[in-house]
Protein backbone atom coordinates (compact mmCIF):
# COMPACT_ATOMS: atom_id res chain seq x y z
CA UNK A 1 6.28 6.67 38.57
CA UNK A 2 10.35 6.47 39.03
CA UNK A 3 9.90 2.73 40.37
CA UNK A 4 7.89 1.97 37.17
CA UNK A 5 10.98 3.40 35.17
CA UNK A 6 13.23 1.52 37.35
CA UNK A 7 11.41 -1.71 36.63
CA UNK A 8 11.50 -1.16 33.31
CA UNK A 9 15.39 -0.82 32.98
CA UNK A 10 16.00 -3.66 34.76
CA UNK A 11 14.17 -5.72 31.76
CA UNK A 12 16.62 -5.24 28.89
CA UNK A 13 16.67 -7.44 25.96
CA UNK A 14 18.84 -10.53 26.20
CA UNK A 15 19.83 -12.06 22.62
CA UNK A 16 21.55 -15.57 22.51
CA UNK A 17 25.26 -16.03 22.55
CA UNK A 18 27.27 -14.72 19.55
CA UNK A 19 29.67 -18.09 19.62
CA UNK A 20 27.98 -21.58 19.43
CA UNK A 21 30.06 -22.58 16.12
CA UNK A 22 28.90 -22.40 12.76
CA UNK A 23 25.17 -21.83 12.41
CA UNK A 24 22.23 -21.34 9.78
CA UNK A 25 20.31 -19.06 12.41
CA UNK A 26 20.12 -15.57 12.15
CA UNK A 27 19.58 -13.61 15.46
CA UNK A 28 18.39 -9.93 15.68
CA UNK A 29 20.57 -8.30 18.01
CA UNK A 30 18.89 -4.83 17.90
CA UNK A 31 19.12 -1.77 18.06
CA UNK A 32 15.64 -0.97 19.05
CA UNK A 33 15.42 2.03 16.62
CA UNK A 34 11.89 1.57 14.86
CA UNK A 35 8.45 2.91 16.18
CA UNK A 36 5.22 1.48 15.28
CA UNK A 37 1.88 0.97 15.50
CA UNK A 38 0.67 -0.42 18.97
CA UNK A 39 -1.31 -3.28 20.27
CA UNK A 40 -1.93 -4.66 23.41
CA UNK A 41 -3.40 -8.19 24.77
CA UNK A 42 -3.12 -9.51 28.30
CA UNK A 43 0.86 -9.17 28.90
CA UNK A 44 1.53 -9.49 25.08
CA UNK A 45 2.49 -6.32 22.99
CA UNK A 46 2.93 -5.64 19.11
CA UNK A 47 4.34 -3.38 17.11
CA UNK A 48 3.76 -2.49 13.23
CA UNK A 49 6.40 -0.34 12.06
CA UNK A 50 4.70 2.43 9.76
CA UNK A 51 4.31 0.99 6.42
CA UNK A 52 5.96 -1.96 7.51
CA UNK A 53 5.10 -5.57 6.40
CA UNK A 54 5.95 -7.47 9.22
CA UNK A 55 4.81 -7.54 13.28
CA UNK A 56 7.12 -7.50 15.86
CA UNK A 57 5.94 -9.08 19.04
CA UNK A 58 6.95 -9.21 22.84
CA UNK A 59 6.03 -11.71 25.61
CA UNK A 60 8.01 -10.19 28.37
CA UNK A 61 6.86 -6.60 28.40
CA UNK A 62 9.22 -5.31 25.77
CA UNK A 63 12.19 -7.17 27.20
CA UNK A 64 12.81 -8.98 24.08
CA UNK A 65 11.26 -8.96 20.61
CA UNK A 66 10.38 -11.61 17.97
CA UNK A 67 10.15 -10.78 14.40
CA UNK A 68 7.35 -11.99 12.20
CA UNK A 69 7.48 -13.37 8.58
CA UNK A 70 6.55 -10.85 5.92
CA UNK A 71 2.83 -10.23 5.07
CA UNK A 72 2.03 -12.29 1.84
CA UNK A 73 0.78 -8.91 0.61
CA UNK A 74 0.63 -5.07 0.84
CA UNK A 75 1.53 -2.83 3.45
CA UNK A 76 0.04 -1.99 7.26
CA UNK A 77 -0.90 1.08 8.64
CA UNK A 78 -2.97 -0.19 11.52
CA UNK A 79 -2.79 -2.83 14.19
CA UNK A 80 -5.62 -4.58 16.56
CA UNK A 81 -5.37 -7.50 18.95
CA UNK A 82 -8.07 -9.48 20.60
CA UNK A 83 -8.37 -8.44 24.05
CA UNK A 84 -9.61 -12.41 24.99
CA UNK A 85 -7.28 -14.20 22.40
CA UNK A 86 -3.75 -12.50 22.40
CA UNK A 87 -2.65 -14.80 19.56
CA UNK A 88 -5.34 -13.21 17.20
CA UNK A 89 -4.08 -10.18 15.54
CA UNK A 90 -5.47 -8.04 12.50
CA UNK A 91 -3.65 -5.66 10.40
CA UNK A 92 -4.99 -2.84 7.97
CA UNK A 93 -3.52 -3.36 4.85
CA UNK A 94 -3.25 -1.01 1.80
CA UNK A 95 -1.21 -1.18 -1.44
CA UNK A 96 1.38 1.21 -1.83
CA UNK A 97 0.77 4.14 -4.20
CA UNK A 98 -3.17 4.01 -3.20
CA UNK A 99 -6.34 1.43 -4.59
CA UNK A 100 -6.97 -1.64 -2.94
CA UNK A 101 -6.96 -2.78 0.57
CA UNK A 102 -6.80 -6.09 2.81
CA UNK A 103 -7.31 -7.01 6.40
CA UNK A 104 -4.79 -9.63 7.24
CA UNK A 105 -5.30 -11.67 10.10
CA UNK A 106 -3.04 -13.96 12.14
CA UNK A 107 -3.82 -16.84 14.44
CA UNK A 108 -0.06 -17.32 15.34
CA UNK A 109 0.65 -14.41 17.20
CA UNK A 110 1.78 -12.21 14.31
CA UNK A 111 4.05 -14.79 12.75
CA UNK A 112 2.36 -15.18 9.98
CA UNK A 113 -0.60 -13.50 7.99
CA UNK A 114 -3.40 -14.53 5.59
CA UNK A 115 -5.43 -12.12 3.91
CA UNK A 116 -9.00 -12.14 5.51
CA UNK A 117 -10.68 -9.26 3.72
CA UNK A 118 -10.32 -7.68 0.29
CA UNK A 119 -11.86 -4.16 -0.18
CA UNK A 120 -11.68 -1.46 -2.95
CA UNK A 121 -9.95 0.77 -1.30
CA UNK A 122 -7.31 0.74 1.59
CA UNK A 123 -8.09 -0.20 5.36
CA UNK A 124 -7.51 2.52 7.56
CA UNK A 125 -8.09 0.88 10.60
CA UNK A 126 -8.86 -2.19 12.24
CA UNK A 127 -10.26 -2.81 15.93
CA UNK A 128 -12.03 -5.88 18.47
CA UNK A 129 -14.83 -5.19 20.74
CA UNK A 130 -18.25 -6.37 21.86
CA UNK A 131 -17.55 -9.72 20.09
CA UNK A 132 -16.98 -8.68 16.67
CA UNK A 133 -13.83 -7.32 14.73
CA UNK A 134 -14.11 -3.81 12.34
CA UNK A 135 -12.30 -2.49 9.41
CA UNK A 136 -12.32 1.54 8.54
CA UNK A 137 -12.39 1.92 4.87
CA UNK A 138 -13.62 4.47 2.40
CA UNK A 139 -16.50 2.41 1.18
CA UNK A 140 -17.40 2.26 4.94
CA UNK A 141 -17.00 -0.11 8.12
CA UNK A 142 -16.82 -3.65 7.43
CA UNK A 143 -17.61 -6.10 10.31
CA UNK A 144 -16.31 -9.65 11.27
CA UNK A 145 -16.28 -12.35 13.85
CA UNK A 146 -12.69 -12.68 14.82
CA UNK A 147 -11.43 -11.46 12.24
CA UNK A 148 -13.62 -13.62 9.54
CA UNK A 149 -17.06 -13.47 7.79
CA UNK A 150 -16.86 -9.64 6.75
CA UNK A 151 -19.72 -7.57 5.39
CA UNK A 152 -20.26 -4.13 4.75
CA UNK A 153 -22.19 -2.44 7.47
CA UNK A 154 -25.59 -1.18 6.18
CA UNK A 155 -25.48 2.67 6.38
CA UNK A 156 -21.97 3.20 7.59
CA UNK A 157 -20.19 6.29 6.85
CA UNK A 158 -18.08 6.65 3.86
CA UNK A 159 -14.33 7.90 4.11
CA UNK A 160 -13.71 6.15 7.34
CA UNK A 161 -10.46 6.62 8.87
CA UNK A 162 -10.58 5.47 12.39
CA UNK A 163 -13.14 3.09 14.72
CA UNK A 164 -13.39 2.50 18.17
CA UNK A 165 -15.92 0.13 20.28
CA UNK A 166 -16.99 2.18 23.54
CA UNK A 167 -19.04 -0.24 25.42
CA UNK A 168 -22.26 -1.30 23.23
CA UNK A 169 -21.24 1.23 20.52
CA UNK A 170 -19.15 2.07 17.53
CA UNK A 171 -17.61 5.33 17.14
CA UNK A 172 -16.07 6.19 13.46
CA UNK A 173 -13.96 9.04 12.61
CA UNK A 174 -15.52 9.55 8.94
CA UNK A 175 -15.63 12.29 6.56
CA UNK A 176 -13.92 14.92 9.04
CA UNK A 177 -16.46 14.20 11.88
CA UNK A 178 -17.90 11.65 14.17
CA UNK A 179 -20.23 9.09 13.53
CA UNK A 180 -22.25 6.87 15.96
CA UNK A 181 -23.65 3.38 15.52
CA UNK A 182 -25.93 3.06 18.42
CA UNK A 183 -28.66 0.35 18.81
CA UNK A 184 -28.53 -0.37 15.04
CA UNK A 185 -28.76 2.91 13.85
CA UNK A 186 -25.99 5.71 12.55
CA UNK A 187 -26.24 9.01 13.64
CA UNK A 188 -23.63 11.75 12.70
CA UNK A 189 -22.38 14.69 14.75
CA UNK A 190 -20.57 17.93 13.62
CA UNK A 191 -17.85 17.38 16.03
CA UNK A 192 -14.53 17.35 14.12
CA UNK A 193 -12.49 14.08 13.94
CA UNK A 194 -9.81 12.03 12.43
CA UNK A 195 -9.00 9.69 15.49
CA UNK A 196 -11.06 8.84 18.26
CA UNK A 197 -9.99 7.05 21.62
CA UNK A 198 -11.88 5.91 24.57
CA UNK A 199 -11.72 4.76 28.16
CA UNK A 200 -14.93 3.86 29.67
CA UNK A 201 -17.78 5.95 28.40
CA UNK A 202 -15.33 8.69 28.24
CA UNK A 203 -14.30 9.47 24.63
CA UNK A 204 -11.81 12.05 23.12
CA UNK A 205 -11.99 13.07 19.49
CA UNK A 206 -9.10 14.98 17.61
CA UNK A 207 -8.90 16.56 14.27
CA UNK A 208 -5.37 18.11 12.89
CA UNK A 209 -6.85 21.35 12.23
CA UNK A 210 -10.36 20.85 14.22
CA UNK A 211 -9.07 20.78 17.97
CA UNK A 212 -10.09 18.03 20.54
CA UNK A 213 -13.35 17.79 21.89
CA UNK A 214 -14.47 15.13 24.85
CA UNK A 215 -17.84 13.20 25.58
CA UNK A 216 -18.48 11.63 28.85
CA UNK A 217 -21.38 9.52 27.78
CA UNK A 218 -19.98 7.77 24.66
CA UNK A 219 -20.53 10.13 21.94
CA UNK A 220 -24.03 11.41 23.05
CA UNK A 221 -22.88 15.22 23.80
CA UNK A 222 -19.70 17.09 23.38
CA UNK A 223 -17.56 19.80 24.59
CA UNK A 224 -14.50 21.20 22.93
CA UNK A 225 -11.32 21.23 25.24
CA UNK A 226 -9.13 24.26 25.54
CA UNK A 227 -5.66 24.75 27.44
CA UNK A 228 -2.33 26.38 27.54
CA UNK A 229 -1.88 26.27 23.79
CA UNK A 230 -2.19 28.89 21.26
CA UNK A 231 -1.60 26.40 17.96
CA UNK A 232 -4.37 25.38 16.71
CA UNK A 233 -2.67 22.26 14.90
CA UNK A 234 -2.98 19.24 16.78
CA UNK A 235 -0.45 16.86 16.35
CA UNK A 236 -2.04 14.35 19.10
CA UNK A 237 -4.83 14.12 21.49
CA UNK A 238 -6.31 11.55 23.03
CA UNK A 239 -7.21 9.82 26.64
CA UNK A 240 -5.11 7.11 28.34
CA UNK A 241 -5.53 3.83 30.10
CA UNK A 242 -5.17 5.91 33.51
CA UNK A 243 -7.52 8.62 32.66
CA UNK A 244 -5.10 11.38 31.32
CA UNK A 245 -6.10 13.46 28.41
CA UNK A 246 -3.18 14.30 26.45
CA UNK A 247 -2.76 16.91 24.11
CA UNK A 248 0.24 17.76 21.73
CA UNK A 249 0.20 20.82 19.63
CA UNK A 250 3.20 22.93 18.26
CA UNK A 251 3.37 24.78 21.50
CA UNK A 252 4.12 21.51 23.28
CA UNK A 253 2.75 18.54 25.27
CA UNK A 254 -0.08 18.83 28.06
CA UNK A 255 -1.58 16.13 30.31
CA UNK A 256 -4.97 16.86 32.46
CA UNK A 257 -5.92 14.48 35.00
CA UNK A 258 -9.18 16.02 35.68
CA UNK A 259 -11.01 15.97 32.42
CA UNK A 260 -9.45 18.94 31.04
CA UNK A 261 -10.10 21.18 34.10
CA UNK A 262 -6.42 21.77 34.55
CA UNK A 263 -3.25 21.12 32.46
CA UNK A 264 0.30 20.30 33.15
CA UNK A 265 3.10 21.19 30.43
CA UNK A 266 5.57 18.09 29.97
CA UNK A 267 9.11 18.27 27.66
CA UNK A 268 7.63 15.36 25.70
CA UNK A 269 7.65 17.52 22.52
CA UNK A 270 11.39 18.21 22.78
CA UNK A 271 12.34 14.77 24.20
CA UNK A 272 10.44 12.45 21.75
CA UNK A 273 8.96 14.66 19.32
CA UNK A 274 5.41 14.02 18.02
CA UNK A 275 3.57 11.37 19.42
CA UNK A 276 1.66 8.96 17.23
CA UNK A 277 -0.12 6.43 19.26
CA UNK A 278 -0.26 5.73 23.02
CA UNK A 279 -1.22 2.18 24.15
CA UNK A 280 -0.71 0.47 27.83
CA UNK A 281 -1.03 -3.27 29.23
CA UNK A 282 -4.13 -3.73 30.40
CA UNK A 283 -3.03 -4.19 34.17
CA UNK A 284 -0.59 -1.49 34.00
CA UNK A 285 -2.19 1.58 32.79
CA UNK A 286 0.10 3.97 34.30
CA UNK A 287 3.09 2.67 32.48
CA UNK A 288 2.21 4.17 28.98
CA UNK A 289 4.11 3.35 25.69
CA UNK A 290 4.05 5.96 23.08
CA UNK A 291 5.00 5.45 19.38
CA UNK A 292 7.40 8.50 18.41
CA UNK A 293 9.87 8.98 16.17
CA UNK A 294 12.90 6.75 16.36
CA UNK A 295 11.38 4.04 18.76
CA UNK A 296 8.53 3.22 21.19
CA UNK A 297 9.12 4.61 24.13
CA UNK A 298 7.80 3.62 27.86
CA UNK A 299 6.93 6.37 30.49
CA UNK A 300 4.98 7.03 33.89
CA UNK A 301 4.90 10.63 33.72
CA UNK A 302 6.03 11.90 29.89
CA UNK A 303 9.20 13.52 31.31
CA UNK A 304 11.38 10.42 31.50
CA UNK A 305 11.62 7.75 29.01
CA UNK A 306 12.65 4.43 28.37
CA UNK A 307 13.08 2.98 24.81
CA UNK A 308 11.84 -0.51 24.38
CA UNK A 309 11.82 -1.31 20.78
CA UNK A 310 11.47 -2.23 18.45
CA UNK A 311 14.38 -4.12 16.44
CA UNK A 312 13.10 -2.83 12.93
CA UNK A 313 15.73 -0.03 11.95
CA UNK A 314 16.69 0.30 8.54
CA UNK A 315 20.63 -0.22 8.78
CA UNK A 316 22.85 1.82 6.11
CA UNK A 317 26.27 0.93 7.76
CA UNK A 318 28.10 -0.68 10.35
CA UNK A 319 31.51 -0.41 12.07
CA UNK A 320 33.31 -1.65 15.10
CA UNK A 321 36.01 0.35 17.20
CA UNK A 322 37.56 -1.30 20.22
CA UNK A 323 34.80 -3.31 21.65
CA UNK A 324 31.83 -1.33 20.21
CA UNK A 325 29.79 -2.29 17.47
CA UNK A 326 27.99 0.85 15.64
CA UNK A 327 25.03 0.81 13.22
CA UNK A 328 24.19 3.58 11.35
CA UNK A 329 20.49 3.82 10.69
CA UNK A 330 18.04 6.37 9.12
CA UNK A 331 17.67 7.86 12.63
CA UNK A 332 21.15 8.52 13.77
CA UNK A 333 23.72 6.11 14.70
CA UNK A 334 23.55 3.30 17.70
CA UNK A 335 26.40 2.22 19.69
CA UNK A 336 26.68 -1.43 22.03
CA UNK A 337 29.07 -3.30 23.50
CA UNK A 338 30.66 -6.39 22.29
CA UNK A 339 29.67 -9.04 22.54
CA UNK A 340 26.33 -7.95 22.16
CA UNK A 341 23.81 -9.15 24.71
CA UNK A 342 20.68 -6.84 24.21
CA UNK A 343 18.45 -5.53 21.30
CA UNK A 344 18.51 -2.15 23.28
CA UNK A 345 21.83 -0.35 22.31
CA UNK A 346 22.96 3.10 23.87
CA UNK A 347 19.87 5.53 24.51
CA UNK A 348 20.65 9.04 25.74
CA UNK A 349 16.97 9.73 26.93
CA UNK A 350 15.81 11.35 23.76
CA UNK A 351 14.84 10.56 20.69
CA UNK A 352 16.84 10.79 17.58
CA UNK A 353 15.84 14.02 15.25
CA UNK A 354 13.63 11.98 12.70
CA UNK A 355 14.54 14.35 9.82
CA UNK A 356 18.15 15.01 8.36
CA UNK A 357 19.79 12.15 10.31
CA UNK A 358 20.42 9.62 8.25
CA UNK A 359 23.88 8.24 9.10
CA UNK A 360 25.00 6.95 5.65
CA UNK A 361 28.60 5.97 6.08
CA UNK A 362 30.70 4.60 9.27
CA UNK A 363 34.82 4.07 9.81
CA UNK A 364 37.07 3.32 12.43
CA UNK A 365 40.69 3.41 12.93
CA UNK A 366 42.99 3.55 15.99
CA UNK A 367 40.37 4.96 18.37
CA UNK A 368 38.86 7.71 15.88
CA UNK A 369 35.16 6.99 14.55
CA UNK A 370 33.76 9.12 11.91
CA UNK A 371 30.33 9.14 10.62
CA UNK A 372 28.93 10.99 7.37
CA UNK A 373 25.40 12.37 8.83
CA UNK A 374 22.94 13.42 5.32
CA UNK A 375 20.88 16.40 6.22
CA UNK A 376 20.23 20.01 5.21
CA UNK A 377 21.50 23.14 5.14
CA UNK A 378 18.59 24.84 4.24
CA UNK A 379 17.19 23.42 1.64
CA UNK A 380 20.19 22.24 0.22
CA UNK A 381 21.37 18.53 0.73
CA UNK A 382 24.59 18.52 2.98
CA UNK A 383 26.94 16.04 4.55
CA UNK A 384 27.88 16.54 7.97
CA UNK A 385 31.31 14.69 8.99
CA UNK A 386 30.95 13.93 12.85
CA UNK A 387 34.06 12.56 14.70
CA UNK A 388 34.14 10.52 18.01
CA UNK A 389 36.87 9.35 19.86
CA UNK A 390 34.99 7.46 22.88
CA UNK A 391 33.82 4.71 20.08
CA UNK A 392 30.49 6.32 19.14
CA UNK A 393 29.24 7.43 22.66
CA UNK A 394 29.98 11.48 21.70
CA UNK A 395 30.05 13.18 18.67
CA UNK A 396 31.75 16.29 17.26
CA UNK A 397 30.64 18.35 14.05
CA UNK A 398 34.00 18.72 11.97
CA UNK A 399 32.94 19.28 8.76
CA UNK A 400 30.23 19.86 6.39
CA UNK A 401 29.91 19.77 2.36
CA UNK A 402 27.05 19.51 -0.41
CA UNK A 403 25.98 16.27 -1.60
CA UNK A 404 25.08 13.07 0.57
CA UNK A 405 27.38 9.90 1.45
CA UNK A 406 27.30 6.49 1.69
CA UNK A 407 31.12 5.73 2.33
CA UNK A 408 34.00 6.70 4.45
CA UNK A 409 37.16 5.38 4.51
CA UNK A 410 40.83 5.42 6.04
CA UNK A 411 43.93 5.30 3.53
CA UNK A 412 45.59 1.89 4.71
CA UNK A 413 48.76 4.13 4.41
CA UNK A 414 48.43 7.36 6.21
CA UNK A 415 46.17 7.20 8.84
CA UNK A 416 45.47 10.92 8.51
CA UNK A 417 44.02 11.08 4.97
CA UNK A 418 40.27 10.09 4.64
CA UNK A 419 38.08 9.58 1.58
CA UNK A 420 34.26 10.60 1.49
CA UNK A 421 32.07 9.43 -1.30
CA UNK A 422 29.06 11.69 -2.20
CA UNK A 423 26.41 11.29 -4.57
CA UNK A 424 23.95 13.91 -5.67
CA UNK A 425 27.05 15.79 -7.05
CA UNK A 426 29.44 14.56 -9.37
CA UNK A 427 32.32 14.66 -6.63
CA UNK A 428 34.08 13.49 -3.62
CA UNK A 429 35.98 14.68 -0.93
CA UNK A 430 39.55 14.09 0.66
CA UNK A 431 41.05 14.78 4.02
CA UNK A 432 44.53 15.02 4.86
CA UNK A 433 44.22 15.95 8.69
CA UNK A 434 41.86 12.80 9.80
CA UNK A 435 38.44 14.49 8.96
CA UNK A 436 39.10 18.02 10.30
CA UNK A 437 38.59 19.58 6.72
CA UNK A 438 38.08 18.21 3.25
CA UNK A 439 38.95 19.06 -0.14
CA UNK A 440 36.41 18.56 -3.21
CA UNK A 441 37.48 16.66 -6.09
CA UNK A 442 35.06 17.24 -8.97
CA UNK A 443 34.69 14.99 -11.96
CA UNK A 444 32.38 15.50 -14.88
CA UNK A 445 32.18 11.98 -15.44
CA UNK A 446 30.75 10.71 -11.75
CA UNK A 447 27.39 10.23 -11.12
CA UNK A 448 27.36 9.39 -7.96
CA UNK A 449 29.58 7.30 -5.46
CA UNK A 450 28.34 4.22 -3.51
CA UNK A 451 31.66 3.02 -1.84
CA UNK A 452 35.39 4.05 -1.75
CA UNK A 453 37.72 1.28 -1.15
CA UNK A 454 41.61 2.47 -0.67
CA UNK A 455 44.75 0.28 -0.98
CA UNK A 456 48.39 1.23 -0.39
CA UNK A 457 48.63 2.65 -4.20
CA UNK A 458 45.33 4.47 -4.57
CA UNK A 459 41.66 4.35 -4.50
CA UNK A 460 38.47 2.49 -6.29
CA UNK A 461 35.56 4.46 -6.79
CA UNK A 462 32.03 2.28 -7.02
CA UNK A 463 29.85 4.75 -8.69
CA UNK A 464 26.78 5.09 -10.39
CA UNK A 465 28.71 5.68 -13.92
CA UNK A 466 31.15 2.84 -13.37
CA UNK A 467 34.01 1.47 -11.42
CA UNK A 468 36.72 4.13 -11.17
CA UNK A 469 40.42 4.31 -10.34
CA UNK A 470 42.57 6.98 -8.95
CA UNK A 471 46.00 6.79 -7.61
CA UNK A 472 46.82 10.42 -7.22
CA UNK A 473 44.26 10.75 -4.21
CA UNK A 474 41.50 11.71 -6.50
CA UNK A 475 43.16 14.32 -8.53
CA UNK A 476 42.47 12.45 -11.68
CA UNK A 477 40.09 9.41 -12.10
CA UNK A 478 40.16 6.75 -14.69
CA UNK A 479 37.14 4.70 -15.80
CA UNK A 480 37.97 1.02 -15.57
CA UNK A 481 34.54 -0.65 -15.99
CA UNK A 482 31.27 0.76 -17.26
CA UNK A 483 27.77 0.28 -15.40
CA UNK A 484 26.27 0.94 -12.37
CA UNK A 485 28.76 -0.56 -9.32
CA UNK A 486 26.98 -0.69 -5.86
CA UNK A 487 30.33 -1.67 -4.00
CA UNK A 488 33.78 -2.62 -4.47
CA UNK A 489 36.47 -4.29 -2.27
CA UNK A 490 40.11 -4.84 -1.82
CA UNK A 491 41.32 -7.86 -0.22
CA UNK A 492 43.54 -6.68 2.93
CA UNK A 493 45.73 -9.67 2.61
CA UNK A 494 46.39 -8.98 -1.43
CA UNK A 495 45.77 -5.41 -2.99
CA UNK A 496 45.69 -7.27 -6.43
CA UNK A 497 42.45 -8.82 -5.54
CA UNK A 498 39.84 -6.49 -6.01
CA UNK A 499 36.05 -7.18 -6.16
CA UNK A 500 33.62 -4.63 -7.59
CA UNK A 501 29.60 -5.33 -7.11
CA UNK A 502 27.49 -4.39 -10.18
CA UNK A 503 23.71 -4.48 -10.13
CA UNK A 504 23.18 -8.21 -10.65
CA UNK A 505 26.86 -9.34 -11.44
CA UNK A 506 30.09 -9.34 -9.75
CA UNK A 507 33.85 -8.56 -11.31
CA UNK A 508 36.88 -9.66 -10.16
CA UNK A 509 40.20 -8.98 -10.83
CA UNK A 510 43.41 -11.00 -9.23
CA UNK A 511 46.03 -8.43 -10.41
CA UNK A 512 44.81 -5.18 -9.70
CA UNK A 513 44.33 -3.86 -13.43
CA UNK A 514 41.92 -6.75 -15.34
CA UNK A 515 38.32 -7.75 -14.61
CA UNK A 516 36.64 -11.05 -15.03
CA UNK A 517 32.65 -10.41 -14.99
CA UNK A 518 30.79 -13.30 -12.97
CA UNK A 519 27.51 -13.02 -14.62
CA UNK A 520 23.88 -13.15 -13.02
CA UNK A 521 25.07 -13.88 -9.47
CA UNK A 522 21.68 -12.77 -8.33
CA UNK A 523 18.24 -11.43 -9.94
CA UNK A 524 18.02 -9.50 -6.75
CA UNK A 525 19.83 -6.41 -6.53
CA UNK A 526 23.46 -6.42 -4.88
CA UNK A 527 24.70 -4.47 -2.30
CA UNK A 528 27.35 -4.19 -0.08
CA UNK A 529 30.12 -6.94 -0.12
CA UNK A 530 32.80 -7.96 3.20
CA UNK A 531 35.87 -10.12 3.70
CA UNK A 532 36.51 -12.39 6.32
CA UNK A 533 40.19 -12.90 7.59
CA UNK A 534 40.23 -16.13 5.81
CA UNK A 535 39.40 -14.52 2.66
CA UNK A 536 35.78 -15.96 2.31
CA UNK A 537 33.50 -13.19 0.84
CA UNK A 538 29.97 -12.29 1.85
CA UNK A 539 27.60 -10.20 -0.55
CA UNK A 540 24.19 -8.52 0.23
CA UNK A 541 21.19 -8.51 -1.59
CA UNK A 542 18.00 -6.78 -1.66
CA UNK A 543 14.78 -7.67 -3.48
CA UNK A 544 12.05 -5.18 -4.23
CA UNK A 545 9.15 -7.60 -3.90
CA UNK A 546 8.64 -10.25 -1.31
CA UNK A 547 11.46 -11.84 0.78
CA UNK A 548 15.14 -11.44 -0.13
CA UNK A 549 17.88 -14.27 -0.36
CA UNK A 550 19.76 -11.63 1.91
CA UNK A 551 23.43 -13.15 1.61
CA UNK A 552 25.62 -14.80 -0.74
CA UNK A 553 29.01 -16.56 -0.05
CA UNK A 554 31.93 -17.16 -2.07
CA UNK A 555 34.86 -19.62 -1.12
CA UNK A 556 37.09 -18.68 -4.04
CA UNK A 557 37.60 -15.07 -4.32
CA UNK A 558 34.32 -13.95 -6.08
CA UNK A 559 34.70 -16.79 -8.98
CA UNK A 560 31.36 -18.41 -7.83
CA UNK A 561 28.60 -17.83 -5.44
CA UNK A 562 26.25 -19.70 -3.61
CA UNK A 563 23.48 -18.31 -1.30
CA UNK A 564 24.30 -18.10 2.19
CA UNK A 565 21.00 -17.67 3.28
CA UNK A 566 19.66 -14.15 5.17
CA UNK A 567 17.48 -12.92 7.92
CA UNK A 568 13.90 -12.96 7.07
CA UNK A 569 13.28 -9.25 6.75
CA UNK A 570 11.55 -6.94 4.30
CA UNK A 571 13.77 -6.04 1.15
CA UNK A 572 17.39 -7.57 2.56
CA UNK A 573 20.53 -6.60 3.36
CA UNK A 574 22.04 -3.08 3.27
CA UNK A 575 25.08 -3.49 5.02
CA UNK A 576 27.87 -6.26 6.01
CA UNK A 577 30.60 -6.54 8.38
CA UNK A 578 32.65 -9.57 9.57
CA UNK A 579 33.92 -9.40 12.99
CA UNK A 580 37.55 -8.97 13.60
CA UNK A 581 38.02 -12.60 14.77
CA UNK A 582 36.03 -14.17 11.79
CA UNK A 583 33.60 -15.79 13.86
CA UNK A 584 30.41 -13.59 13.35
CA UNK A 585 28.95 -12.09 10.24
CA UNK A 586 26.64 -8.94 10.93
CA UNK A 587 24.13 -7.96 8.54
CA UNK A 588 22.21 -4.73 8.48
CA UNK A 589 18.68 -4.89 7.34
CA UNK A 590 16.21 -2.81 5.55
CA UNK A 591 13.66 -3.32 8.17
CA UNK A 592 15.16 -5.46 10.74
CA UNK A 593 18.10 -3.54 12.30
CA UNK A 594 20.99 -5.84 12.60
CA UNK A 595 20.92 -9.47 12.63
CA UNK A 596 24.02 -12.00 13.74
CA UNK A 597 25.16 -15.24 12.60
CA UNK A 598 27.81 -17.25 13.96
CA UNK A 599 30.83 -18.38 11.64
CA UNK A 600 32.22 -20.82 13.92
C-alpha cells in the first residue's frame, strides 16, 4: 500500500513557467484546496466541486488539472462519465434555492456543457450503464441514450435521490427506500436508503438515520450490517472497487474486507473528516480517491492520505513572505515556494477543518507573517490572530477578539504596530507588539471594515459606511467619503496618492485629502486593488451572474480603467497581489484557487 502512496507523491502537478514575457494567458497554479463529486473513465478523472458551476479534469491521474468553462446555467450536485467514452460527461443540475433542474452534457471532456434535459424539479443524480444514461428527480427516473433522447421511465419512483446501474438492473434510492427495475418491472423494498453503491452483484445501501444494508444478489435480498460502532448516524456507507465495505459514523471510520464479518477501525474521520464519496480508476481499484472536506485525497489504506485536487478553492487573501506565496482560503491557508511549480501546495497529511477556518486576512513583513482566522468561540464570531516565523509553515495563536476580519496591515513606520480590520462589529483593533495583543477601537459610525491601508501619517479605512481617515492610530476617525467602500490603497511611492474602491466606482486622490470619483468603472462589484512597482494599478471584480471580467487595469493612477481580463472562473476575483519584481500578477479567485499571469 505504501508503494501506491509513494507513486502518487511522485505525480506532483506541474504548472507552466511564470516568466515568458507579457501574456494574456492565466494559469491556475493551485492550491488544490477544493473537494467535489468524482467520476472516472479509463485513465481520466473528473471532479465537480459541491454546488459548483464548472468541472475539473485530469488526464494524468491527478498530476495536473484543467478547469472547464462555466455551466450555461444552474449548478451541479452530481457527476457521471461514460466508461466507454471518457469525453462524455453528465452533470446533475439544479437551480439555486430549489425549483427546476437540468442534465448538462459535455462531449469535449468537461470543457463545455450544454443543456440536455430540463426537469420540473432539481436533478439529484446521474449515471451511465447498460448503454443508457439515467437521471434521478422528484418526478421519477429519466432514461436517455448517451445523454440524449430523455424520457421519464413509466412507473419509476417519485422523489428519486440516487441511481445505480447494477448489471441488467437499475437500483434507485427514492422516498427513503430502495426501488429496483428488473426485467422491465419496478419493485419496492423496505430497505432504508438515500445512497447506493455497487460492485458486481454486491450492493450497499445506506441511510443517514437508517443504517447500512448489504445485498449479494443485485437487491433481491438484503441483510443489515452491524459493526463496532454505536452511533446510529451513518455519515458514509458503501462498497469500493476493491470489494471493501466502508462505513463512517460519529464513532469513526470502519473497513470490512470480508462482507461485514470483521471490521478494522481507521483514523480517517480525524484525518480527512467526513467522507462524501469514494471512487477509483478502473485499473487501480486499490488506489481510492476520497471526496472529503478541503479537497480530494488518495489513499490505499485510509490511514495515509495524499491530496490530489482540485484547484477550485475560494481565495480570500494573498501574501508573500521571502520565497513563499501564501493563500488564505475558506478552509485554511496554503503555502508554496516561489516560483510556483505545482498546483499542490503544502499539505501536512490531514484535511483542514471545514468549519471556522476561513483565513480572511494575511500580512507579511520582515520574516513575520500574521493571519486572521474567522472562527467561533462558542456561538460568537471570533477573530483568531495567528503568527508564523517560518513563512507560513507553522502557526501559533497570539490573540482572539470578537468579529470577523478581511484586513491585516503593518504600519510602514513602526513595524511593531499592526492594524486589524473587523466586521460584524463597529470596531477595529490595534497592536503595538507585532500582533501579540490588540486594543479595540470602537466607533459608532463604522459598519464593517473591508480593508485598512496605512501610510506614514495614519490609516485609511474602507468601510461599509464610507471611507474613513485616522491620524492618531485609530483613537479618532473622520469620514472622508460616504457610501460602501470595498478596498483602499496607498501608493508606496507617494502616500498622497490614494485610491478608494466603491461598489462600481473608484475614487482617486493625488493630495491625500480631496478625491475625484471615476464613475461606472464596472457594472460588476469591484473588489481588491493592487499596485505594481511601476505604478500600474490592477482592480478585481466579481459578478453574481455568469462569467466575470475578472481584472481591470489603470495606467494613469486610477483616472481611467480598461478591462485587463481575468481567469474564466465562477464570479471572479477576490484578492490581488503583484510580485515584488513586478513581473507577475496573482489573482485569488472565488472558485478557481490562485491564477497567475505574466506581466513581462
